[in-house]
Amino acid sequence: MATPLPSSAASAPAAHDAAEAMANIHVVCAEPSIANHFLAELRDKDVQKDSLRFRRNLQRLGEIIAYRISAHLSYTDKAIQTPLAETTGKLLHDFPILATVLRAGLPFHQGFLNYFDQSPSAFVAAYRIEGTAQVQVQVDYLSAPSLDERVLILADPMLATGKSLVQTYRAMLRFGTPRQVHIAAVIASPEGLAYVAREIPEATLWVAAIDEKLNEHAYIIPGLGDAGDLSYGSKL
C-alpha cells in the first residue's frame, strides 16, 4: 500500500511534486499485521534489553518487506515434474542483489537473504560525522558485484536524514547501473523519505513505519534508539 507523507514533509508550492514522489513509497505497517507486533517490540525499551530478540525482529521485518518486494519482480514459467504429474511453476527470473549498510543493517539484511537465498550481497561501511553543524556522511568501505541491469535492494533499518542512503547508492553506481532499485527501511522520518525520493526518483521505497519528525540532532522521533548498539552492543 502506497501511503502519502504527512503534510509537513513538503511546502505548499511543492505539494504536487511531493505527491508524485510519494507514489513510490510503501508503508508496511499502515494496516494491521504481524509486522506491527514486531515493530512495537523493536521500539519497547524493556524488550530492547534482549539483543537476540531485537536482531530477530529486525530480521522478521526484513523477511516481510522482502516478500512484499517479491511481488514486483519478474518470474519465468517452468515445467515442474512432481511424483504424480507435470505442472507449471513460476521461478524468480533472477535474484536481486542485496546491499546493506554496516553494522546496523546486518540483521535486517539477513531477513532479505532468508527469502532471496541465492542473491549476491553488497556491503557498505558508512557513518555520520557527529559534532558538525550539518550531518556529514563518510563512506569507508564498499564491496559489491556488478549492478548492471540487475535488481538492487538497498536495506538500512533507520532512514533519518536520508543522506547516508543517497551517498551510499551513488557510491555503488561505480559498479554499474541497476535496472530496478528498491530501498528498504524499518523506520523513516518524513524529511528523510522526501529527500531520498527526490534524490533517487528511480527507486521504490519500502518502510515499516513513517515517524513524526527529526529532532535537533537529526535523530528520528519517536524512533527506537541506535539499531547498531541495540543489536551488537555499545561502541566507543
Protein backbone atom coordinates (compact mmCIF):
# COMPACT_ATOMS: atom_id res chain seq x y z
CA MET A 1 0.00 0.00 0.00
CA ALA A 2 1.44 3.36 -1.02
CA THR A 3 0.97 5.96 1.69
CA PRO A 4 1.49 9.75 1.44
CA LEU A 5 3.78 11.55 3.84
CA PRO A 6 2.40 13.90 6.47
CA SER A 7 1.71 17.35 5.03
CA SER A 8 4.64 18.82 6.97
CA ALA A 9 7.07 16.96 4.71
CA ALA A 10 6.51 19.34 1.78
CA SER A 11 5.76 23.03 1.41
CA ALA A 12 2.53 24.05 -0.34
CA PRO A 13 4.21 25.11 -3.62
CA ALA A 14 5.95 21.73 -3.84
CA ALA A 15 2.95 19.64 -2.79
CA HIS A 16 2.24 18.30 -6.28
CA ASP A 17 5.85 17.21 -6.87
CA ALA A 18 5.99 15.65 -3.39
CA ALA A 19 2.78 13.71 -4.05
CA GLU A 20 4.27 12.28 -7.24
CA ALA A 21 7.40 11.16 -5.38
CA MET A 22 5.37 9.62 -2.58
CA ALA A 23 3.53 7.34 -5.02
CA ASN A 24 6.61 5.10 -4.93
CA ILE A 25 6.61 4.77 -1.13
CA HIS A 26 5.01 1.73 0.53
CA VAL A 27 4.32 1.66 4.28
CA VAL A 28 4.04 -1.93 5.51
CA CYS A 29 2.57 -1.14 8.95
CA ALA A 30 -0.08 1.23 7.61
CA GLU A 31 -2.51 -1.66 8.00
CA PRO A 32 -2.68 -4.13 10.93
CA SER A 33 -0.49 -7.23 10.52
CA ILE A 34 2.10 -9.19 12.50
CA ALA A 35 4.63 -6.63 11.26
CA ASN A 36 3.10 -4.12 13.70
CA HIS A 37 3.81 -6.52 16.58
CA PHE A 38 7.47 -6.92 15.59
CA LEU A 39 7.84 -3.15 15.21
CA ALA A 40 6.27 -2.48 18.62
CA GLU A 41 8.74 -4.86 20.26
CA LEU A 42 11.64 -3.16 18.48
CA ARG A 43 10.62 0.19 19.98
CA ASP A 44 9.95 -1.08 23.54
CA LYS A 45 12.89 -0.10 25.78
CA ASP A 46 12.28 -3.12 28.03
CA VAL A 47 12.15 -5.64 25.19
CA GLN A 48 15.25 -3.98 23.71
CA LYS A 49 17.29 -5.36 26.63
CA ASP A 50 17.17 -8.72 24.82
CA SER A 51 19.56 -8.10 21.91
CA LEU A 52 18.80 -11.51 20.40
CA ARG A 53 15.10 -10.66 20.19
CA PHE A 54 15.93 -7.20 18.80
CA ARG A 55 18.01 -8.72 16.00
CA ARG A 56 15.36 -11.34 15.31
CA ASN A 57 12.63 -8.71 14.98
CA LEU A 58 14.77 -6.75 12.52
CA GLN A 59 15.24 -9.97 10.59
CA ARG A 60 11.50 -10.71 10.62
CA LEU A 61 10.66 -7.26 9.25
CA GLY A 62 13.29 -7.81 6.56
CA GLU A 63 11.51 -11.03 5.61
CA ILE A 64 8.12 -9.32 5.47
CA ILE A 65 9.39 -6.46 3.29
CA ALA A 66 11.29 -8.94 1.09
CA TYR A 67 8.02 -10.79 0.48
CA ARG A 68 6.26 -7.53 -0.41
CA ILE A 69 9.04 -6.55 -2.83
CA SER A 70 8.94 -10.02 -4.42
CA ALA A 71 5.52 -9.24 -5.90
CA HIS A 72 7.20 -6.54 -8.02
CA LEU A 73 9.87 -8.80 -9.54
CA SER A 74 9.88 -10.84 -12.76
CA TYR A 75 9.12 -14.56 -12.93
CA THR A 76 9.59 -17.29 -15.53
CA ASP A 77 7.24 -20.23 -16.10
CA LYS A 78 8.95 -23.61 -15.81
CA ALA A 79 7.70 -27.15 -16.25
CA ILE A 80 7.90 -28.99 -12.92
CA GLN A 81 7.67 -32.76 -12.58
CA THR A 82 6.05 -33.86 -9.31
CA PRO A 83 6.00 -37.53 -8.21
CA LEU A 84 2.49 -37.73 -9.73
CA ALA A 85 2.29 -35.41 -12.73
CA GLU A 86 3.80 -32.49 -14.59
CA THR A 87 2.75 -28.97 -13.65
CA THR A 88 3.99 -25.41 -14.17
CA GLY A 89 5.74 -23.27 -11.57
CA LYS A 90 6.86 -19.67 -11.54
CA LEU A 91 10.53 -19.16 -10.75
CA LEU A 92 12.21 -15.85 -9.98
CA HIS A 93 13.80 -14.62 -13.21
CA ASP A 94 16.94 -13.50 -11.40
CA PHE A 95 17.70 -12.99 -7.75
CA PRO A 96 18.22 -9.36 -6.67
CA ILE A 97 21.47 -8.01 -5.32
CA LEU A 98 21.07 -7.30 -1.61
CA ALA A 99 23.03 -4.34 -0.23
CA THR A 100 23.18 -3.05 3.31
CA VAL A 101 25.00 -0.53 5.47
CA LEU A 102 27.26 -1.91 8.23
CA ARG A 103 26.73 -2.67 11.06
CA ALA A 104 23.11 -1.94 11.97
CA GLY A 105 21.87 -3.27 8.64
CA LEU A 106 23.15 -6.83 9.15
CA PRO A 107 20.11 -8.39 10.91
CA PHE A 108 17.72 -6.58 8.55
CA HIS A 109 19.81 -7.79 5.60
CA GLN A 110 19.61 -11.36 6.87
CA GLY A 111 15.83 -11.21 6.64
CA PHE A 112 16.07 -10.42 2.93
CA LEU A 113 18.70 -13.11 2.47
CA ASN A 114 16.41 -15.68 4.11
CA TYR A 115 13.94 -15.17 1.25
CA PHE A 116 16.28 -14.31 -1.62
CA ASP A 117 18.64 -17.12 -0.66
CA GLN A 118 20.54 -17.17 -3.97
CA SER A 119 21.21 -13.43 -4.00
CA PRO A 120 24.72 -11.96 -4.05
CA SER A 121 25.37 -9.34 -1.37
CA ALA A 122 26.96 -5.91 -1.26
CA PHE A 123 28.19 -4.19 1.91
CA VAL A 124 28.92 -0.55 2.68
CA ALA A 125 30.55 0.95 5.77
CA ALA A 126 29.07 4.44 6.19
CA TYR A 127 28.67 6.58 9.27
CA ARG A 128 27.60 10.05 10.32
CA ILE A 129 30.25 12.52 11.43
CA GLU A 130 28.98 13.97 14.70
CA GLY A 131 29.63 17.40 16.16
CA THR A 132 29.18 19.33 12.95
CA ALA A 133 26.60 21.95 12.08
CA GLN A 134 25.24 19.74 9.31
CA VAL A 135 25.10 15.98 9.06
CA GLN A 136 28.07 14.68 7.08
CA VAL A 137 28.49 11.10 5.92
CA GLN A 138 31.71 9.15 5.45
CA VAL A 139 31.82 6.02 3.27
CA ASP A 140 34.87 3.95 4.28
CA TYR A 141 34.31 0.56 2.66
CA LEU A 142 32.31 -0.73 -0.29
CA SER A 143 32.12 -4.24 -1.75
CA ALA A 144 29.63 -5.18 -4.48
CA PRO A 145 29.17 -7.38 -7.56
CA SER A 146 28.28 -5.85 -10.92
CA LEU A 147 24.98 -3.98 -10.69
CA ASP A 148 24.46 -3.55 -14.44
CA GLU A 149 20.90 -4.42 -15.42
CA ARG A 150 20.27 -6.11 -12.07
CA VAL A 151 17.60 -5.57 -9.42
CA LEU A 152 19.13 -3.86 -6.38
CA ILE A 153 17.62 -3.88 -2.89
CA LEU A 154 19.39 -1.45 -0.56
CA ALA A 155 18.36 -2.04 3.06
CA ASP A 156 19.13 0.09 6.13
CA PRO A 157 16.89 -0.10 9.22
CA MET A 158 16.86 3.63 10.07
CA LEU A 159 16.24 6.30 7.42
CA ALA A 160 16.82 9.58 9.26
CA THR A 161 18.10 12.41 7.03
CA GLY A 162 18.48 10.04 4.07
CA LYS A 163 21.93 11.43 3.28
CA SER A 164 23.81 8.23 4.07
CA LEU A 165 21.48 6.17 1.86
CA VAL A 166 21.78 8.60 -1.04
CA GLN A 167 25.56 8.79 -0.72
CA THR A 168 25.77 5.00 -0.41
CA TYR A 169 23.65 4.48 -3.52
CA ARG A 170 25.68 6.96 -5.55
CA ALA A 171 28.93 5.30 -4.45
CA MET A 172 27.55 1.91 -5.56
CA LEU A 173 26.88 3.18 -9.07
CA ARG A 174 30.59 2.74 -9.83
CA PHE A 175 29.68 -0.97 -10.09
CA GLY A 176 27.06 -0.36 -12.77
CA THR A 177 23.51 0.89 -13.24
CA PRO A 178 20.72 -1.35 -11.92
CA ARG A 179 17.55 -1.77 -13.97
CA GLN A 180 15.35 -1.64 -10.84
CA VAL A 181 16.05 -0.16 -7.40
CA HIS A 182 14.26 -0.82 -4.11
CA ILE A 183 15.22 0.93 -0.88
CA ALA A 184 14.01 -0.61 2.39
CA ALA A 185 13.97 0.72 5.95
CA VAL A 186 12.20 -0.17 9.19
CA ILE A 187 11.62 3.38 10.43
CA ALA A 188 11.86 6.58 8.39
CA SER A 189 11.41 10.27 9.03
CA PRO A 190 9.21 12.31 6.70
CA GLU A 191 12.19 14.53 5.91
CA GLY A 192 14.44 11.60 5.06
CA LEU A 193 11.86 9.92 2.86
CA ALA A 194 11.21 13.12 0.94
CA TYR A 195 14.95 13.62 0.43
CA VAL A 196 15.58 10.08 -0.83
CA ALA A 197 12.50 10.17 -3.08
CA ARG A 198 13.77 13.41 -4.61
CA GLU A 199 17.41 12.36 -4.98
CA ILE A 200 16.76 8.79 -6.21
CA PRO A 201 13.49 9.11 -8.16
CA GLU A 202 14.04 5.75 -9.89
CA ALA A 203 13.77 3.90 -6.56
CA THR A 204 10.72 2.33 -4.94
CA LEU A 205 10.83 2.85 -1.16
CA TRP A 206 9.59 0.35 1.43
CA VAL A 207 9.30 1.19 5.14
CA ALA A 208 7.60 -0.40 8.11
CA ALA A 209 6.62 2.99 9.56
CA ILE A 210 6.98 6.73 8.99
CA ASP A 211 7.65 8.52 12.27
CA GLU A 212 6.84 12.04 13.37
CA LYS A 213 10.00 14.05 12.73
CA LEU A 214 13.74 14.51 13.19
CA ASN A 215 14.95 16.25 16.33
CA GLU A 216 17.69 18.88 16.52
CA HIS A 217 20.33 16.13 16.45
CA ALA A 218 18.80 14.55 13.32
CA TYR A 219 17.51 11.53 15.26
CA ILE A 220 14.13 10.03 14.39
CA ILE A 221 11.35 10.76 16.90
CA PRO A 222 9.88 8.58 18.42
CA GLY A 223 12.26 6.15 16.68
CA LEU A 224 13.81 3.34 18.69
CA GLY A 225 17.37 4.37 19.52
CA ASP A 226 20.62 3.18 17.91
CA ALA A 227 19.85 -0.02 15.98
CA GLY A 228 23.54 -0.98 15.78
CA ASP A 229 24.11 -0.63 19.52
CA LEU A 230 20.89 -2.47 20.35
CA SER A 231 21.87 -5.30 18.01
CA TYR A 232 25.53 -5.70 18.89
CA GLY A 233 26.36 -3.63 21.99
CA SER A 234 27.55 -0.08 22.62
CA LYS A 235 30.54 1.27 20.73
CA LEU A 236 33.26 3.63 21.98
